[in-house]
Amino acid sequence: AGVRLTGDPVPYVFAAVRNAAVDQMRRQNGAARRLESVSIYNGLPTDP
């Protein structure tokens, strides 16, 4: 798109990613939307 970002570009980029993710969901079958849930956490401790 060649958009010229003025000011803080972070919100604009986050909005673009959010919109792309919403587009991904729209393309996905509605019935399968929440079939797979994944963790958004990085890692777990090593002690058992």
All heavy atoms as atom14 arrays in JSON, in Angstrom:
{
  "sequence": "AGVRLTGDPVPYVFAAVRNAAVDQMRRQNGAARRLESVSIYNGLPTDP",
  "atom14_mask": [
    [1, 1, 1, 1, 1, 0, 0, 0, 0, 0, 0, 0, 0, 0],
    [1, 1, 1, 1, 0, 0, 0, 0, 0, 0, 0, 0, 0, 0],
    [1, 1, 1, 1, 1, 1, 1, 0, 0, 0, 0, 0, 0, 0],
    [1, 1, 1, 1, 1, 1, 1, 1, 1, 1, 1, 0, 0, 0],
    [1, 1, 1, 1, 1, 1, 1, 1, 0, 0, 0, 0, 0, 0],
    [1, 1, 1, 1, 1, 1, 1, 0, 0, 0, 0, 0, 0, 0],
    [1, 1, 1, 1, 0, 0, 0, 0, 0, 0, 0, 0, 0, 0],
    [1, 1, 1, 1, 1, 1, 1, 1, 0, 0, 0, 0, 0, 0],
    [1, 1, 1, 1, 1, 1, 1, 0, 0, 0, 0, 0, 0, 0],
    [1, 1, 1, 1, 1, 1, 1, 0, 0, 0, 0, 0, 0, 0],
    [1, 1, 1, 1, 1, 1, 1, 0, 0, 0, 0, 0, 0, 0],
    [1, 1, 1, 1, 1, 1, 1, 1, 1, 1, 1, 1, 0, 0],
    [1, 1, 1, 1, 1, 1, 1, 0, 0, 0, 0, 0, 0, 0],
    [1, 1, 1, 1, 1, 1, 1, 1, 1, 1, 1, 0, 0, 0],
    [1, 1, 1, 1, 1, 0, 0, 0, 0, 0, 0, 0, 0, 0],
    [1, 1, 1, 1, 1, 0, 0, 0, 0, 0, 0, 0, 0, 0],
    [1, 1, 1, 1, 1, 1, 1, 0, 0, 0, 0, 0, 0, 0],
    [1, 1, 1, 1, 1, 1, 1, 1, 1, 1, 1, 0, 0, 0],
    [1, 1, 1, 1, 1, 1, 1, 1, 0, 0, 0, 0, 0, 0],
    [1, 1, 1, 1, 1, 0, 0, 0, 0, 0, 0, 0, 0, 0],
    [1, 1, 1, 1, 1, 0, 0, 0, 0, 0, 0, 0, 0, 0],
    [1, 1, 1, 1, 1, 1, 1, 0, 0, 0, 0, 0, 0, 0],
    [1, 1, 1, 1, 1, 1, 1, 1, 0, 0, 0, 0, 0, 0],
    [1, 1, 1, 1, 1, 1, 1, 1, 1, 0, 0, 0, 0, 0],
    [1, 1, 1, 1, 1, 1, 1, 1, 0, 0, 0, 0, 0, 0],
    [1, 1, 1, 1, 1, 1, 1, 1, 1, 1, 1, 0, 0, 0],
    [1, 1, 1, 1, 1, 1, 1, 1, 1, 1, 1, 0, 0, 0],
    [1, 1, 1, 1, 1, 1, 1, 1, 1, 0, 0, 0, 0, 0],
    [1, 1, 1, 1, 1, 1, 1, 1, 0, 0, 0, 0, 0, 0],
    [1, 1, 1, 1, 0, 0, 0, 0, 0, 0, 0, 0, 0, 0],
    [1, 1, 1, 1, 1, 0, 0, 0, 0, 0, 0, 0, 0, 0],
    [1, 1, 1, 1, 1, 0, 0, 0, 0, 0, 0, 0, 0, 0],
    [1, 1, 1, 1, 1, 1, 1, 1, 1, 1, 1, 0, 0, 0],
    [1, 1, 1, 1, 1, 1, 1, 1, 1, 1, 1, 0, 0, 0],
    [1, 1, 1, 1, 1, 1, 1, 1, 0, 0, 0, 0, 0, 0],
    [1, 1, 1, 1, 1, 1, 1, 1, 1, 0, 0, 0, 0, 0],
    [1, 1, 1, 1, 1, 1, 0, 0, 0, 0, 0, 0, 0, 0],
    [1, 1, 1, 1, 1, 1, 1, 0, 0, 0, 0, 0, 0, 0],
    [1, 1, 1, 1, 1, 1, 0, 0, 0, 0, 0, 0, 0, 0],
    [1, 1, 1, 1, 1, 1, 1, 1, 0, 0, 0, 0, 0, 0],
    [1, 1, 1, 1, 1, 1, 1, 1, 1, 1, 1, 1, 0, 0],
    [1, 1, 1, 1, 1, 1, 1, 1, 0, 0, 0, 0, 0, 0],
    [1, 1, 1, 1, 0, 0, 0, 0, 0, 0, 0, 0, 0, 0],
    [1, 1, 1, 1, 1, 1, 1, 1, 0, 0, 0, 0, 0, 0],
    [1, 1, 1, 1, 1, 1, 1, 0, 0, 0, 0, 0, 0, 0],
    [1, 1, 1, 1, 1, 1, 1, 0, 0, 0, 0, 0, 0, 0],
    [1, 1, 1, 1, 1, 1, 1, 1, 0, 0, 0, 0, 0, 0],
    [1, 1, 1, 1, 1, 1, 1, 0, 0, 0, 0, 0, 0, 0]
  ],
  "atom14_positions": [
    [[0.83, -1.21, 0.0], [0.0, 0.0, 0.0], [0.86, 1.26, 0.0], [0.42, 2.32, -0.43], [-0.93, 0.01, 1.2], [0.0, 0.0, 0.0], [0.0, 0.0, 0.0], [0.0, 0.0, 0.0], [0.0, 0.0, 0.0], [0.0, 0.0, 0.0], [0.0, 0.0, 0.0], [0.0, 0.0, 0.0], [0.0, 0.0, 0.0], [0.0, 0.0, 0.0]],
    [[2.08, 1.13, 0.49], [2.98, 2.28, 0.5], [2.48, 3.42, 1.36], [2.76, 4.59, 1.09], [0.0, 0.0, 0.0], [0.0, 0.0, 0.0], [0.0, 0.0, 0.0], [0.0, 0.0, 0.0], [0.0, 0.0, 0.0], [0.0, 0.0, 0.0], [0.0, 0.0, 0.0], [0.0, 0.0, 0.0], [0.0, 0.0, 0.0], [0.0, 0.0, 0.0]],
    [[1.76, 3.08, 2.43], [1.22, 4.1, 3.33], [2.36, 4.81, 4.04], [3.32, 4.19, 4.48], [0.28, 3.44, 4.37], [-0.21, 4.45, 5.38], [-0.87, 2.77, 3.67], [0.0, 0.0, 0.0], [0.0, 0.0, 0.0], [0.0, 0.0, 0.0], [0.0, 0.0, 0.0], [0.0, 0.0, 0.0], [0.0, 0.0, 0.0], [0.0, 0.0, 0.0]],
    [[2.24, 6.12, 4.14], [3.23, 6.88, 4.89], [2.73, 6.99, 6.32], [1.69, 7.59, 6.58], [3.41, 8.26, 4.29], [4.14, 8.2, 2.95], [4.73, 9.5, 2.57], [6.08, 9.88, 2.57], [7.18, 9.17, 2.46], [7.13, 7.89, 2.45], [8.36, 9.72, 2.41], [0.0, 0.0, 0.0], [0.0, 0.0, 0.0], [0.0, 0.0, 0.0]],
    [[3.48, 6.4, 7.22], [3.1, 6.39, 8.63], [3.65, 7.63, 9.31], [4.85, 7.87, 9.29], [3.62, 5.13, 9.32], [3.14, 3.8, 8.73], [3.84, 2.64, 9.39], [1.64, 3.68, 8.87], [0.0, 0.0, 0.0], [0.0, 0.0, 0.0], [0.0, 0.0, 0.0], [0.0, 0.0, 0.0], [0.0, 0.0, 0.0], [0.0, 0.0, 0.0]],
    [[2.76, 8.41, 9.9], [3.18, 9.59, 10.65], [2.82, 9.36, 12.11], [1.87, 8.65, 12.44], [2.47, 10.86, 10.13], [1.07, 10.68, 10.24], [2.85, 11.14, 8.68], [0.0, 0.0, 0.0], [0.0, 0.0, 0.0], [0.0, 0.0, 0.0], [0.0, 0.0, 0.0], [0.0, 0.0, 0.0], [0.0, 0.0, 0.0], [0.0, 0.0, 0.0]],
    [[3.58, 9.95, 12.98], [3.33, 9.76, 14.4], [3.75, 8.36, 14.82], [4.65, 7.75, 14.24], [0.0, 0.0, 0.0], [0.0, 0.0, 0.0], [0.0, 0.0, 0.0], [0.0, 0.0, 0.0], [0.0, 0.0, 0.0], [0.0, 0.0, 0.0], [0.0, 0.0, 0.0], [0.0, 0.0, 0.0], [0.0, 0.0, 0.0], [0.0, 0.0, 0.0]],
    [[3.08, 7.83, 15.82], [3.39, 6.49, 16.34], [2.82, 5.44, 15.39], [1.6, 5.3, 15.27], [2.78, 6.35, 17.74], [3.12, 5.03, 18.41], [3.89, 4.23, 17.83], [2.61, 4.81, 19.52], [0.0, 0.0, 0.0], [0.0, 0.0, 0.0], [0.0, 0.0, 0.0], [0.0, 0.0, 0.0], [0.0, 0.0, 0.0], [0.0, 0.0, 0.0]],
    [[3.66, 4.65, 14.73], [3.18, 3.65, 13.78], [2.63, 2.38, 14.45], [1.95, 1.59, 13.8], [4.42, 3.32, 12.95], [5.55, 3.54, 13.88], [5.13, 4.7, 14.75], [0.0, 0.0, 0.0], [0.0, 0.0, 0.0], [0.0, 0.0, 0.0], [0.0, 0.0, 0.0], [0.0, 0.0, 0.0], [0.0, 0.0, 0.0], [0.0, 0.0, 0.0]],
    [[2.92, 2.19, 15.73], [2.55, 0.94, 16.41], [1.05, 0.68, 16.37], [0.63, -0.42, 15.98], [3.11, 0.92, 17.86], [2.6, -0.29, 18.63], [4.63, 0.93, 17.83], [0.0, 0.0, 0.0], [0.0, 0.0, 0.0], [0.0, 0.0, 0.0], [0.0, 0.0, 0.0], [0.0, 0.0, 0.0], [0.0, 0.0, 0.0], [0.0, 0.0, 0.0]],
    [[0.19, 1.63, 16.75], [-1.25, 1.34, 16.68], [-1.73, 1.0, 15.27], [-2.58, 0.13, 15.09], [-1.91, 2.63, 17.18], [-0.87, 3.31, 17.99], [0.44, 2.94, 17.35], [0.0, 0.0, 0.0], [0.0, 0.0, 0.0], [0.0, 0.0, 0.0], [0.0, 0.0, 0.0], [0.0, 0.0, 0.0], [0.0, 0.0, 0.0], [0.0, 0.0, 0.0]],
    [[-1.17, 1.67, 14.28], [-1.56, 1.43, 12.89], [-1.22, 0.0, 12.48], [-2.02, -0.7, 11.85], [-0.89, 2.44, 11.98], [-1.41, 2.42, 10.57], [-2.58, 3.1, 10.23], [-0.76, 1.71, 9.57], [-3.08, 3.07, 8.94], [-1.25, 1.67, 8.27], [-2.4, 2.36, 7.97], [-2.9, 2.31, 6.69], [0.0, 0.0, 0.0], [0.0, 0.0, 0.0]],
    [[-0.03, -0.46, 12.86], [0.41, -1.82, 12.51], [-0.43, -2.85, 13.28], [-0.85, -3.86, 12.72], [1.92, -1.99, 12.75], [2.33, -3.44, 12.56], [2.71, -1.07, 11.82], [0.0, 0.0, 0.0], [0.0, 0.0, 0.0], [0.0, 0.0, 0.0], [0.0, 0.0, 0.0], [0.0, 0.0, 0.0], [0.0, 0.0, 0.0], [0.0, 0.0, 0.0]],
    [[-0.69, -2.6, 14.56], [-1.54, -3.51, 15.33], [-2.94, -3.59, 14.72], [-3.54, -4.66, 14.65], [-1.6, -3.13, 16.81], [-0.55, -3.81, 17.63], [0.72, -3.26, 17.75], [-0.81, -5.01, 18.27], [1.7, -3.89, 18.5], [0.16, -5.65, 19.02], [1.42, -5.09, 19.14], [0.0, 0.0, 0.0], [0.0, 0.0, 0.0], [0.0, 0.0, 0.0]],
    [[-3.46, -2.46, 14.28], [-4.78, -2.46, 13.63], [-4.74, -3.29, 12.35], [-5.68, -4.04, 12.06], [-5.22, -1.02, 13.32], [0.0, 0.0, 0.0], [0.0, 0.0, 0.0], [0.0, 0.0, 0.0], [0.0, 0.0, 0.0], [0.0, 0.0, 0.0], [0.0, 0.0, 0.0], [0.0, 0.0, 0.0], [0.0, 0.0, 0.0], [0.0, 0.0, 0.0]],
    [[-3.67, -3.17, 11.6], [-3.53, -3.95, 10.36], [-3.49, -5.44, 10.66], [-4.13, -6.25, 9.96], [-2.29, -3.5, 9.59], [0.0, 0.0, 0.0], [0.0, 0.0, 0.0], [0.0, 0.0, 0.0], [0.0, 0.0, 0.0], [0.0, 0.0, 0.0], [0.0, 0.0, 0.0], [0.0, 0.0, 0.0], [0.0, 0.0, 0.0], [0.0, 0.0, 0.0]],
    [[-2.75, -5.83, 11.68], [-2.67, -7.25, 12.05], [-4.02, -7.73, 12.57], [-4.47, -8.83, 12.22], [-1.54, -7.49, 13.08], [-1.63, -8.89, 13.68], [-0.19, -7.28, 12.43], [0.0, 0.0, 0.0], [0.0, 0.0, 0.0], [0.0, 0.0, 0.0], [0.0, 0.0, 0.0], [0.0, 0.0, 0.0], [0.0, 0.0, 0.0], [0.0, 0.0, 0.0]],
    [[-4.68, -6.93, 13.38], [-6.0, -7.3, 13.88], [-6.97, -7.5, 12.71], [-7.7, -8.49, 12.66], [-6.55, -6.23, 14.82], [-7.92, -6.56, 15.35], [-8.53, -5.38, 16.12], [-9.87, -5.71, 16.51], [-10.94, -5.56, 15.74], [-10.82, -5.09, 14.51], [-12.14, -5.88, 16.17], [0.0, 0.0, 0.0], [0.0, 0.0, 0.0], [0.0, 0.0, 0.0]],
    [[-6.97, -6.58, 11.77], [-7.86, -6.7, 10.61], [-7.54, -7.94, 9.78], [-8.44, -8.64, 9.3], [-7.77, -5.44, 9.74], [-8.35, -4.24, 10.43], [-9.14, -4.35, 11.37], [-7.95, -3.06, 10.0], [0.0, 0.0, 0.0], [0.0, 0.0, 0.0], [0.0, 0.0, 0.0], [0.0, 0.0, 0.0], [0.0, 0.0, 0.0], [0.0, 0.0, 0.0]],
    [[-6.25, -8.23, 9.61], [-5.86, -9.44, 8.86], [-6.31, -10.7, 9.59], [-6.75, -11.67, 8.96], [-4.35, -9.45, 8.63], [0.0, 0.0, 0.0], [0.0, 0.0, 0.0], [0.0, 0.0, 0.0], [0.0, 0.0, 0.0], [0.0, 0.0, 0.0], [0.0, 0.0, 0.0], [0.0, 0.0, 0.0], [0.0, 0.0, 0.0], [0.0, 0.0, 0.0]],
    [[-6.22, -10.69, 10.92], [-6.67, -11.86, 11.69], [-8.18, -12.02, 11.61], [-8.69, -13.14, 11.47], [-6.23, -11.71, 13.15], [0.0, 0.0, 0.0], [0.0, 0.0, 0.0], [0.0, 0.0, 0.0], [0.0, 0.0, 0.0], [0.0, 0.0, 0.0], [0.0, 0.0, 0.0], [0.0, 0.0, 0.0], [0.0, 0.0, 0.0], [0.0, 0.0, 0.0]],
    [[-8.9, -10.92, 11.65], [-10.36, -10.98, 11.51], [-10.71, -11.5, 10.12], [-11.63, -12.31, 9.96], [-11.0, -9.6, 11.79], [-12.45, -9.57, 11.38], [-10.85, -9.24, 13.27], [0.0, 0.0, 0.0], [0.0, 0.0, 0.0], [0.0, 0.0, 0.0], [0.0, 0.0, 0.0], [0.0, 0.0, 0.0], [0.0, 0.0, 0.0], [0.0, 0.0, 0.0]],
    [[-9.97, -11.06, 9.1], [-10.19, -11.58, 7.75], [-9.95, -13.09, 7.7], [-10.7, -13.81, 7.04], [-9.26, -10.88, 6.74], [-9.67, -9.46, 6.46], [-10.79, -9.06, 6.84], [-8.85, -8.72, 5.87], [0.0, 0.0, 0.0], [0.0, 0.0, 0.0], [0.0, 0.0, 0.0], [0.0, 0.0, 0.0], [0.0, 0.0, 0.0], [0.0, 0.0, 0.0]],
    [[-8.92, -13.56, 8.39], [-8.66, -15.0, 8.46], [-9.88, -15.73, 9.05], [-10.27, -16.78, 8.56], [-7.44, -15.3, 9.35], [-6.12, -14.95, 8.74], [-5.66, -16.0, 7.76], [-6.06, -17.15, 7.8], [-4.8, -15.58, 6.84], [0.0, 0.0, 0.0], [0.0, 0.0, 0.0], [0.0, 0.0, 0.0], [0.0, 0.0, 0.0], [0.0, 0.0, 0.0]],
    [[-10.46, -15.16, 10.09], [-11.62, -15.78, 10.73], [-12.84, -15.78, 9.8], [-13.61, -16.72, 9.8], [-11.95, -15.08, 12.05], [-10.9, -15.28, 13.13], [-10.61, -17.01, 13.52], [-12.15, -17.42, 14.3], [0.0, 0.0, 0.0], [0.0, 0.0, 0.0], [0.0, 0.0, 0.0], [0.0, 0.0, 0.0], [0.0, 0.0, 0.0], [0.0, 0.0, 0.0]],
    [[-13.0, -14.73, 9.05], [-14.13, -14.66, 8.12], [-14.02, -15.72, 7.04], [-15.03, -16.26, 6.58], [-14.2, -13.27, 7.48], [-14.7, -12.22, 8.43], [-14.86, -10.88, 7.73], [-15.24, -9.87, 8.69], [-14.67, -8.69, 8.79], [-13.7, -8.35, 7.96], [-15.05, -7.84, 9.71], [0.0, 0.0, 0.0], [0.0, 0.0, 0.0], [0.0, 0.0, 0.0]],
    [[-12.79, -16.0, 6.64], [-12.58, -17.03, 5.62], [-12.76, -18.44, 6.18], [-12.98, -19.38, 5.43], [-11.18, -16.89, 5.01], [-11.05, -15.69, 4.1], [-9.76, -15.73, 3.31], [-8.57, -15.54, 4.12], [-7.98, -14.36, 4.3], [-8.47, -13.27, 3.76], [-6.89, -14.28, 5.04], [0.0, 0.0, 0.0], [0.0, 0.0, 0.0], [0.0, 0.0, 0.0]],
    [[-12.66, -18.54, 7.47], [-12.78, -19.85, 8.13], [-14.26, -20.21, 8.29], [-15.1, -19.36, 8.5], [-12.11, -19.77, 9.5], [-12.06, -21.06, 10.25], [-11.36, -20.86, 11.6], [-10.88, -19.8, 11.91], [-11.37, -21.9, 12.38], [0.0, 0.0, 0.0], [0.0, 0.0, 0.0], [0.0, 0.0, 0.0], [0.0, 0.0, 0.0], [0.0, 0.0, 0.0]],
    [[-14.54, -21.48, 8.21], [-15.91, -21.96, 8.42], [-16.37, -21.58, 9.82], [-15.7, -21.86, 10.8], [-15.93, -23.48, 8.24], [-17.31, -24.06, 8.42], [-18.2, -23.46, 9.01], [-17.5, -25.25, 7.89], [0.0, 0.0, 0.0], [0.0, 0.0, 0.0], [0.0, 0.0, 0.0], [0.0, 0.0, 0.0], [0.0, 0.0, 0.0], [0.0, 0.0, 0.0]],
    [[-17.54, -20.97, 9.96], [-18.08, -20.53, 11.24], [-18.19, -21.64, 12.26], [-17.95, -21.43, 13.45], [0.0, 0.0, 0.0], [0.0, 0.0, 0.0], [0.0, 0.0, 0.0], [0.0, 0.0, 0.0], [0.0, 0.0, 0.0], [0.0, 0.0, 0.0], [0.0, 0.0, 0.0], [0.0, 0.0, 0.0], [0.0, 0.0, 0.0], [0.0, 0.0, 0.0]],
    [[-18.53, -22.83, 11.86], [-18.7, -23.93, 12.8], [-17.37, -24.38, 13.38], [-17.31, -24.92, 14.49], [-19.37, -25.11, 12.11], [0.0, 0.0, 0.0], [0.0, 0.0, 0.0], [0.0, 0.0, 0.0], [0.0, 0.0, 0.0], [0.0, 0.0, 0.0], [0.0, 0.0, 0.0], [0.0, 0.0, 0.0], [0.0, 0.0, 0.0], [0.0, 0.0, 0.0]],
    [[-16.29, -24.16, 12.65], [-14.98, -24.63, 13.1], [-14.19, -23.56, 13.84], [-13.07, -23.78, 14.23], [-14.17, -25.12, 11.9], [0.0, 0.0, 0.0], [0.0, 0.0, 0.0], [0.0, 0.0, 0.0], [0.0, 0.0, 0.0], [0.0, 0.0, 0.0], [0.0, 0.0, 0.0], [0.0, 0.0, 0.0], [0.0, 0.0, 0.0], [0.0, 0.0, 0.0]],
    [[-14.77, -22.41, 14.06], [-14.05, -21.28, 14.62], [-13.34, -21.57, 15.92], [-12.22, -21.18, 16.11], [-14.96, -20.1, 14.84], [-15.16, -19.32, 13.59], [-15.85, -18.04, 13.9], [-15.85, -17.27, 12.67], [-16.34, -16.08, 12.55], [-16.88, -15.5, 13.58], [-16.29, -15.45, 11.42], [0.0, 0.0, 0.0], [0.0, 0.0, 0.0], [0.0, 0.0, 0.0]],
    [[-14.0, -22.23, 16.84], [-13.39, -22.41, 18.16], [-13.03, -23.86, 18.45], [-12.94, -24.25, 19.59], [-14.31, -21.86, 19.23], [-14.52, -20.37, 19.05], [-15.03, -19.73, 20.29], [-15.31, -18.35, 20.02], [-14.72, -17.34, 20.6], [-13.81, -17.55, 21.5], [-15.04, -16.11, 20.3], [0.0, 0.0, 0.0], [0.0, 0.0, 0.0], [0.0, 0.0, 0.0]],
    [[-12.83, -24.65, 17.41], [-12.48, -26.04, 17.63], [-11.13, -26.21, 18.3], [-10.93, -27.06, 19.14], [-12.47, -26.8, 16.31], [-13.83, -27.14, 15.73], [-13.65, -27.92, 14.44], [-14.66, -27.94, 16.71], [0.0, 0.0, 0.0], [0.0, 0.0, 0.0], [0.0, 0.0, 0.0], [0.0, 0.0, 0.0], [0.0, 0.0, 0.0], [0.0, 0.0, 0.0]],
    [[-10.18, -25.4, 17.92], [-8.84, -25.54, 18.44], [-8.48, -24.3, 19.24], [-8.55, -23.19, 18.75], [-7.85, -25.7, 17.29], [-6.45, -25.93, 17.75], [-5.52, -26.1, 16.58], [-5.97, -26.39, 15.48], [-4.32, -25.95, 16.79], [0.0, 0.0, 0.0], [0.0, 0.0, 0.0], [0.0, 0.0, 0.0], [0.0, 0.0, 0.0], [0.0, 0.0, 0.0]],
    [[-8.13, -24.49, 20.47], [-7.71, -23.39, 21.31], [-6.25, -23.62, 21.66], [-5.86, -24.71, 22.06], [-8.56, -23.36, 22.58], [-8.17, -22.28, 23.39], [0.0, 0.0, 0.0], [0.0, 0.0, 0.0], [0.0, 0.0, 0.0], [0.0, 0.0, 0.0], [0.0, 0.0, 0.0], [0.0, 0.0, 0.0], [0.0, 0.0, 0.0], [0.0, 0.0, 0.0]],
    [[-5.44, -22.6, 21.49], [-4.02, -22.74, 21.78], [-3.6, -21.73, 22.83], [-4.24, -20.71, 23.02], [-3.17, -22.54, 20.5], [-3.44, -23.63, 19.5], [-3.42, -21.19, 19.89], [0.0, 0.0, 0.0], [0.0, 0.0, 0.0], [0.0, 0.0, 0.0], [0.0, 0.0, 0.0], [0.0, 0.0, 0.0], [0.0, 0.0, 0.0], [0.0, 0.0, 0.0]],
    [[-2.52, -22.04, 23.5], [-2.01, -21.16, 24.53], [-1.29, -19.98, 23.91], [-0.57, -20.13, 22.93], [-1.06, -21.94, 25.44], [-0.51, -21.07, 26.4], [0.0, 0.0, 0.0], [0.0, 0.0, 0.0], [0.0, 0.0, 0.0], [0.0, 0.0, 0.0], [0.0, 0.0, 0.0], [0.0, 0.0, 0.0], [0.0, 0.0, 0.0], [0.0, 0.0, 0.0]],
    [[-1.46, -18.82, 24.51], [-0.73, -17.65, 24.06], [0.44, -17.37, 24.99], [1.02, -16.31, 24.96], [-1.65, -16.42, 23.96], [-2.28, -16.09, 25.31], [-2.7, -16.62, 22.91], [-3.09, -14.81, 25.31], [0.0, 0.0, 0.0], [0.0, 0.0, 0.0], [0.0, 0.0, 0.0], [0.0, 0.0, 0.0], [0.0, 0.0, 0.0], [0.0, 0.0, 0.0]],
    [[0.79, -18.35, 25.82], [1.88, -18.21, 26.76], [3.16, -18.75, 26.16], [3.14, -19.71, 25.42], [1.56, -18.94, 28.07], [0.27, -18.47, 28.64], [-0.89, -19.22, 28.49], [0.18, -17.24, 29.28], [-2.09, -18.76, 28.99], [-1.03, -16.79, 29.77], [-2.15, -17.56, 29.62], [-3.33, -17.1, 30.1], [0.0, 0.0, 0.0], [0.0, 0.0, 0.0]],
    [[4.27, -18.17, 26.55], [5.55, -18.56, 25.98], [6.05, -19.9, 26.49], [6.2, -20.83, 25.73], [6.6, -17.48, 26.24], [6.35, -16.25, 25.44], [5.77, -16.34, 24.37], [6.76, -15.11, 25.93], [0.0, 0.0, 0.0], [0.0, 0.0, 0.0], [0.0, 0.0, 0.0], [0.0, 0.0, 0.0], [0.0, 0.0, 0.0], [0.0, 0.0, 0.0]],
    [[6.35, -20.03, 27.75], [6.95, -21.25, 28.22], [6.54, -21.59, 29.63], [5.92, -20.8, 30.32], [0.0, 0.0, 0.0], [0.0, 0.0, 0.0], [0.0, 0.0, 0.0], [0.0, 0.0, 0.0], [0.0, 0.0, 0.0], [0.0, 0.0, 0.0], [0.0, 0.0, 0.0], [0.0, 0.0, 0.0], [0.0, 0.0, 0.0], [0.0, 0.0, 0.0]],
    [[6.86, -22.79, 30.05], [6.57, -23.27, 31.38], [7.88, -23.53, 32.12], [8.91, -23.75, 31.49], [5.74, -24.57, 31.31], [4.36, -24.44, 30.68], [3.74, -25.83, 30.51], [3.46, -23.56, 31.51], [0.0, 0.0, 0.0], [0.0, 0.0, 0.0], [0.0, 0.0, 0.0], [0.0, 0.0, 0.0], [0.0, 0.0, 0.0], [0.0, 0.0, 0.0]],
    [[7.85, -23.53, 33.46], [9.07, -23.81, 34.22], [9.6, -25.21, 33.92], [8.86, -26.08, 33.47], [8.63, -23.7, 35.67], [7.28, -23.11, 35.67], [6.71, -23.27, 34.3], [0.0, 0.0, 0.0], [0.0, 0.0, 0.0], [0.0, 0.0, 0.0], [0.0, 0.0, 0.0], [0.0, 0.0, 0.0], [0.0, 0.0, 0.0], [0.0, 0.0, 0.0]],
    [[10.87, -25.44, 34.23], [11.46, -26.75, 33.97], [11.29, -27.71, 35.14], [11.3, -28.91, 34.95], [12.96, -26.61, 33.64], [13.6, -25.9, 34.69], [13.15, -25.87, 32.32], [0.0, 0.0, 0.0], [0.0, 0.0, 0.0], [0.0, 0.0, 0.0], [0.0, 0.0, 0.0], [0.0, 0.0, 0.0], [0.0, 0.0, 0.0], [0.0, 0.0, 0.0]],
    [[11.14, -27.21, 36.37], [10.92, -28.07, 37.53], [9.58, -28.78, 37.37], [8.56, -28.12, 37.15], [10.94, -27.22, 38.81], [10.55, -28.02, 40.03], [11.15, -29.08, 40.27], [9.63, -27.57, 40.75], [0.0, 0.0, 0.0], [0.0, 0.0, 0.0], [0.0, 0.0, 0.0], [0.0, 0.0, 0.0], [0.0, 0.0, 0.0], [0.0, 0.0, 0.0]],
    [[9.53, -30.13, 37.48], [8.29, -30.87, 37.23], [7.11, -30.42, 38.1], [6.0, -30.26, 37.6], [8.65, -32.32, 37.51], [10.13, -32.39, 37.3], [10.65, -31.05, 37.71], [0.0, 0.0, 0.0], [0.0, 0.0, 0.0], [0.0, 0.0, 0.0], [0.0, 0.0, 0.0], [0.0, 0.0, 0.0], [0.0, 0.0, 0.0], [0.0, 0.0, 0.0]]
  ]
}
